[in-house]
Amino acid sequence: MNWKTVKPMDQKVLFIADNLRKSGTFTALCERYGISRKTGYKWLKRYCVDSIEGLEEQSRRPHYHPETTPYTIRQAVIDIRQSRRILTGAKKIQSALAARFPNEHIPSHTTINNILRREGLLQPRKKRKRVTPYSKPFAAVKAPNELWSTDFKGEFKLGNGKYCYPLTVMDHHSRFLIGCDGLLGTRHKDTQKIFIKLFKTYGLPDRMRSDNGVPFAARTLAGLSRLSVWWIRLGILPERIQPGCPQQNGCHERMHRILKGATTTPISASFPSQQRQFDQFKTEYNTIREHESLQNKTPADCYQPAKRTYPSRLPELEYPDYFECFTVSSNGVIYWGNGQVYTAHVLAGETVGLECIDDGIWVVYFGPIRLGQFNQRDVKGGKKPYWTVKV
């Protein structure tokens, strides 16, 4: 069978030629070319008006756009985007437009993005592959101060050549940015000073979520660091996301992305001026920027300080009566059973509890944290026996 290979434009010209030659009835001619009578009359009308040029494919774009966004609303979209220090997306702009123009038709997210794109205010983002979410869930968060999240935003160099390490702390439930402070590094002492200031101002949370970097974690039993040991003494339970899974602290990472764009363009010349940018960002993030997860309320509308206050001295850890309690020596061991059990050097001076769960099997705890266990029969050494705690 021979297939027709006639181009659409050639088919229209042949149809018009056969029609002019009166080659059969109009209905039969349309059937021969496989078109409807309506299409045939349309081609004929265009030929009569514009000759061959009228048969070219024409734009289907309507001549009148009843849904065209009014100039005042288009200008308002641009003003909202440019007036705020923190870049505002289509959802936030749409909410602001609804409040500003209650009797007008508010454009969709796509229309708002198109307006911003035409004005050069929307930069395309590179798509990146997402890591499969970790299946182990954390405990639910139902109220402010049940969980704070903390992290160091990647360091950057100031105008004076010194590196700045922004330490951020945020309430997970209300998205309230509790702290945003630039430090010279990730040292324990400087980090602890910031947390003391925040605890005295906002009280103590129940849990603290972080990644596995310093100073939040260390290569010790249960990943304890000096900072997390201090948290536990204060009654704060540390939570750490799984390595390589930043989405487990997704809202904090999202805040960091906004922080980078708002406070590092341009980068300040010194620490005081950079800290002023951080403080301004913190105020705007908490009191001006609405959050969709908060039903378009601001974090300040949803946050209140914790009821637990920062104590004047660290409280002692409490263990059940059936635990055997020991003080960790300066070299990280406890002396037990005429020998010694190594725990962790960061626990020097702290009290740990031992629970016997089976014949010769002992589990070591630091407060609510299970450090590991050891078998009393797996003794090592000669005259000075020792045991190794295994996770």
Foldseek 3Di string as FASTA:
>chain_A
DDDDPDDQLRLLVVLVVCVVVCVDDLCVSCVVSVHDSVVSVCSVVLCVVPNSVSSDDDDPDDPDDPPPDDPVLLVQLVCVQPVDLFGDALVQSQVVVCVVCVPDDGDDRVVSVVSCVVVVNDDDDDDDDADDADPDADDDDDAWLQEKEKEWQDWDAAQQGAIWIWIWIATPPLRQTQDTATDRDQDPVVVVVVVVVSCQVFNHGQEYEYELDPPCADPFQVRDHLVQLLNVLQNYHYHYDDPPRCVSVVSVVVVSVSLCSSQVVPGHRDRVVSVVSVVVVSCCQQQPAFDVVVVRHGSVVRDHGDPHGDDPDGDAADDDPQWDKFAAACVQWTDPDQAIEHHDNSRHRHMWTWDDPDVQKIWIGRRPRTRAIWGNVPWDDDNHTYIYGDD
